[in-house]
Protein backbone atom coordinates (compact mmCIF):
# COMPACT_ATOMS: atom_id res chain seq x y z
CA MET A 1 1.81 3.24 -19.95
CA ILE A 2 0.51 4.89 -16.75
CA LEU A 3 2.44 8.10 -17.19
CA ASP A 4 3.11 9.77 -20.54
CA LEU A 5 6.34 11.58 -19.73
CA ASP A 6 9.37 12.48 -21.81
CA ASP A 7 12.71 10.86 -20.98
CA ILE A 8 13.90 13.70 -18.69
CA GLN A 9 10.62 13.85 -16.78
CA ALA A 10 10.52 10.05 -16.39
CA ARG A 11 14.06 9.83 -15.09
CA THR A 12 13.41 12.68 -12.69
CA VAL A 13 10.51 10.71 -11.22
CA LEU A 14 12.63 7.63 -11.00
CA GLY A 15 15.38 9.64 -9.33
CA ALA A 16 12.81 10.78 -6.70
CA MET A 17 11.85 7.17 -6.20
CA SER A 18 15.48 6.26 -5.70
CA PHE A 19 15.88 9.01 -3.08
CA VAL A 20 12.79 7.88 -1.20
CA ALA A 21 14.07 4.32 -1.24
CA ASN A 22 17.25 5.26 0.67
CA GLY A 23 15.74 5.45 4.17
CA GLU A 24 17.15 5.12 7.71
CA ALA A 25 18.80 1.77 7.04
CA GLY A 26 20.77 3.36 4.14
CA GLY A 27 21.39 1.93 0.70
CA MET A 28 18.94 0.34 -1.72
CA SER A 29 17.69 -3.18 -1.56
CA ALA A 30 17.29 -5.54 -4.53
CA MET A 31 13.57 -5.14 -4.17
CA ASP A 32 13.88 -1.40 -4.27
CA ALA A 33 15.89 -1.62 -7.49
CA LYS A 34 13.44 -3.96 -9.16
CA THR A 35 10.55 -1.63 -8.22
CA ILE A 36 12.26 1.33 -9.79
CA GLU A 37 13.16 -0.65 -12.97
CA ALA A 38 9.57 -1.89 -13.29
CA ALA A 39 8.19 1.65 -12.80
CA GLY A 40 10.48 2.91 -15.58
CA THR A 41 9.78 0.17 -18.11
CA ILE A 42 6.14 -0.61 -17.33
CA ALA A 43 4.63 2.59 -16.05
CA MET A 44 6.68 5.04 -18.16
CA GLY A 45 7.59 3.05 -21.25
CA LEU A 46 11.39 3.42 -20.99
CA GLU A 47 13.48 0.80 -22.73
CA ASP A 48 15.94 0.46 -19.87
CA VAL A 49 16.64 1.95 -16.46
CA ASP A 50 20.20 2.63 -15.29
CA ILE A 51 19.67 3.11 -11.54
CA ALA A 52 23.25 4.19 -10.92
CA SER A 53 22.84 7.12 -13.31
CA LEU A 54 19.70 8.53 -11.63
CA THR A 55 20.07 11.81 -9.84
CA LYS A 56 18.06 12.70 -6.77
CA PRO A 57 15.90 15.79 -7.56
CA THR A 58 14.88 18.29 -4.92
CA PRO A 59 11.12 18.56 -4.36
CA GLU A 60 11.13 21.80 -6.34
CA GLN A 61 12.93 20.20 -9.30
CA LEU A 62 10.48 17.35 -9.39
CA ALA A 63 7.50 19.72 -9.27
CA ALA A 64 8.99 21.76 -12.11
CA ARG A 65 9.24 18.74 -14.42
CA VAL A 66 5.95 17.04 -13.64
CA PRO A 67 3.04 18.53 -15.62
CA SER A 68 0.07 19.55 -13.52
CA SER A 69 -2.51 17.52 -15.40
CA GLY A 70 -3.24 14.81 -12.85
CA ASP A 71 0.19 13.26 -13.27
CA GLU A 72 1.29 14.77 -9.98
CA CYS A 73 -1.18 12.56 -8.08
CA VAL A 74 0.02 9.40 -9.84
CA VAL A 75 3.63 10.34 -9.21
CA THR A 76 2.98 10.90 -5.52
CA ARG A 77 1.24 7.48 -5.30
CA MET A 78 4.27 5.88 -6.94
CA LEU A 79 6.54 7.54 -4.39
CA ALA A 80 4.26 6.29 -1.58
CA VAL A 81 4.52 2.78 -2.89
CA MET A 82 8.29 3.21 -3.03
CA SER A 83 8.32 4.23 0.67
CA LEU A 84 6.65 0.92 1.57
CA VAL A 85 8.68 -1.54 -0.51
CA GLY A 86 9.92 -4.18 1.91
CA ALA A 87 6.86 -3.65 4.18
CA VAL A 88 8.78 -1.67 6.81
CA LEU A 89 7.66 1.75 8.01
CA ASP A 90 10.58 4.18 7.73
CA SER A 91 10.14 7.70 9.01
CA GLN A 92 12.93 9.10 6.71
CA LYS A 93 11.22 7.61 3.63
CA THR A 94 7.88 9.07 4.70
CA GLN A 95 9.43 12.46 5.34
CA ARG A 96 10.92 12.49 1.86
CA LEU A 97 7.64 11.39 0.40
CA GLN A 98 5.82 14.17 2.22
CA ALA A 99 8.30 16.77 0.95
CA TYR A 100 7.73 15.72 -2.64
CA ALA A 101 3.95 15.61 -2.13
CA THR A 102 3.95 19.14 -0.71
CA ALA A 103 5.95 20.49 -3.65
CA LEU A 104 3.53 18.77 -6.10
CA SER A 105 0.55 20.26 -4.18
CA VAL A 106 -0.81 16.81 -3.46
CA ASP A 107 -2.64 16.36 -0.11
CA GLU A 108 -4.50 13.00 -0.16
CA GLU A 109 -5.64 11.18 2.95
CA TYR A 110 -3.28 8.22 2.61
CA LEU A 111 -0.36 10.60 3.15
CA GLY A 112 -1.77 11.50 6.60
CA ILE A 113 -2.31 7.87 7.39
CA LEU A 114 1.34 7.06 6.52
CA GLY A 115 2.44 10.06 8.55
CA ASP A 116 0.45 8.83 11.58
CA ALA A 117 1.80 5.26 11.18
CA THR A 118 5.43 6.27 10.93
CA SER A 119 5.08 8.72 13.80
CA GLY A 120 3.86 6.01 16.12
CA ARG A 121 0.18 7.01 15.99
CA ILE A 122 -0.77 3.44 15.04
CA GLY A 123 -4.21 3.55 16.64
CA ARG A 124 -5.17 6.70 14.68
CA ALA A 125 -3.87 5.25 11.39
CA THR A 126 -5.72 1.96 11.99
CA ASP A 127 -8.98 3.79 12.77
CA ARG A 128 -8.71 5.83 9.60
CA LEU A 129 -7.98 2.75 7.50
CA ALA A 130 -10.82 0.88 9.11
CA GLN A 131 -13.19 3.82 8.40
CA ARG A 132 -12.28 3.87 4.72
CA GLY A 133 -12.52 0.05 4.49
CA ALA A 134 -15.97 0.19 6.12
CA GLU A 135 -17.14 2.89 3.69
CA TYR A 136 -16.06 0.92 0.65
CA PHE A 137 -16.95 -2.64 1.65
CA LEU A 138 -19.86 -2.39 4.18
CA PRO A 139 -23.42 -1.01 3.93
CA PRO A 140 -23.52 2.75 4.70
CA ARG A 141 -25.39 2.18 8.05
CA SER A 142 -22.59 -0.16 9.23
CA ALA A 143 -19.62 2.08 8.46
CA GLY A 144 -19.70 4.18 11.59
CA SER A 145 -16.49 6.02 12.61
CA GLY A 146 -13.33 5.27 14.53
CA SER A 147 -13.80 2.30 16.85
CA GLU A 148 -17.27 1.70 15.39
CA ALA A 149 -15.67 1.07 12.00
CA VAL A 150 -13.18 -1.32 13.50
CA GLY A 151 -16.02 -3.20 15.18
CA ALA A 152 -17.94 -3.37 11.91
CA LEU A 153 -14.89 -4.85 10.10
CA MET A 154 -14.07 -7.29 12.95
CA PRO A 155 -17.42 -8.42 14.25
CA PHE A 156 -16.45 -11.83 15.65
CA GLY A 157 -14.99 -10.86 19.05
CA ASP A 158 -16.63 -10.87 22.41
CA GLY A 159 -18.27 -14.24 22.04
CA GLU A 160 -19.47 -13.63 18.49
CA GLU A 161 -17.19 -16.18 16.85
CA LYS A 162 -18.55 -18.37 14.09
CA PRO A 163 -16.53 -21.64 14.13
CA ASP A 164 -18.44 -23.17 11.26
CA LEU A 165 -17.56 -20.22 9.04
CA GLU A 166 -13.95 -20.33 10.05
CA ALA A 167 -13.81 -24.07 9.49
CA ARG A 168 -14.95 -23.56 5.87
CA TYR A 169 -11.85 -21.48 5.22
CA LEU A 170 -9.54 -23.76 7.20
CA ARG A 171 -10.53 -26.62 4.87
CA LEU A 172 -8.90 -24.75 2.09
CA ARG A 173 -5.56 -26.19 3.24
CA GLU A 174 -6.67 -29.54 1.84
CA LEU A 175 -6.91 -28.25 -1.79
CA PRO A 176 -4.09 -29.06 -4.25
CA GLU A 177 -1.16 -26.75 -4.82
CA GLY A 178 -1.81 -24.30 -7.69
CA THR A 179 -5.49 -23.79 -6.81
CA PHE A 180 -6.71 -20.38 -5.75
CA GLY A 181 -8.20 -21.74 -2.55
CA LYS A 182 -4.85 -23.22 -1.42
CA ALA A 183 -3.14 -19.96 -2.30
CA LEU A 184 -5.74 -18.03 -0.19
CA PHE A 185 -5.11 -20.39 2.74
CA ASP A 186 -1.33 -20.01 2.39
CA HIS A 187 -1.64 -16.22 2.18
CA PHE A 188 -3.60 -16.04 5.46
CA SER A 189 -1.50 -18.58 7.31
CA GLY A 190 1.85 -17.26 6.01
CA ASN A 191 0.93 -13.72 7.12
CA CYS A 192 -0.55 -14.75 10.53
CA LEU A 193 -4.04 -13.53 9.43
CA GLU A 194 -7.24 -15.03 10.91
CA PHE A 195 -10.09 -16.10 8.65
CA PRO A 196 -13.59 -14.62 8.92
CA GLY A 197 -15.42 -16.30 11.82
CA SER A 198 -12.46 -16.36 14.21
CA GLU A 199 -12.13 -13.85 17.10
CA GLN A 200 -9.67 -11.63 15.24
CA GLY A 201 -11.09 -12.26 11.77
CA GLN A 202 -12.45 -9.57 9.51
CA VAL A 203 -15.84 -9.58 7.91
CA GLN A 204 -16.01 -11.60 4.71
CA THR A 205 -17.15 -8.81 2.43
CA PHE A 206 -13.91 -6.93 3.23
CA ALA A 207 -11.29 -9.59 3.96
CA ILE A 208 -11.88 -11.96 1.09
CA PRO A 209 -12.07 -9.43 -1.83
CA HIS A 210 -9.10 -7.44 -0.29
CA ASP A 211 -6.82 -10.33 0.25
CA SER A 212 -7.83 -12.09 -2.98
CA ALA A 213 -6.70 -8.96 -4.78
CA HIS A 214 -3.28 -9.27 -3.14
CA ILE A 215 -3.00 -12.87 -4.27
CA LEU A 216 -4.03 -12.13 -7.82
């Protein structure tokens, strides 16, 4: 289990996830429901999750039932994931997430990035994500800040394309179904991503580990 909570605590967290899931579009999708069920059974060790019986706690109620032993950070991250199920930014979901985070006294950078993204400050959110990506995946001298970090992660523009490198990745389409290489190609092509070497491609040391993790 990820969280060692008693039954009441666990169902309070799941109730908060349910509340976050009901955003501007209203209602809960099948994917939302499966996410909450998986969180209950896998992350919290519950035998079953009856979504219809979950009550939506106020931020104060959630904070009162989550022990302050590091669990509050994990709970907030689970709520953040819940706000992004379906891969659509929703300002109401983010606002509910932020209210719970404030009550839990959690103030991690990703919350600010989500706030920027859902408020229309996409450029600022992208710069901050690029900066963190550069710090984790590039040599320290290459990380830079803001637009410098974006340039370090996407070095193939302005005539710096590497067709031979891109071609190596494009040949993955020829591999049999069920191989990792074919799955990597399908992931990039299906999500309109460009491979390293192309004008909009990202540097290999970031793009390939990052997207391979998604596939796995």
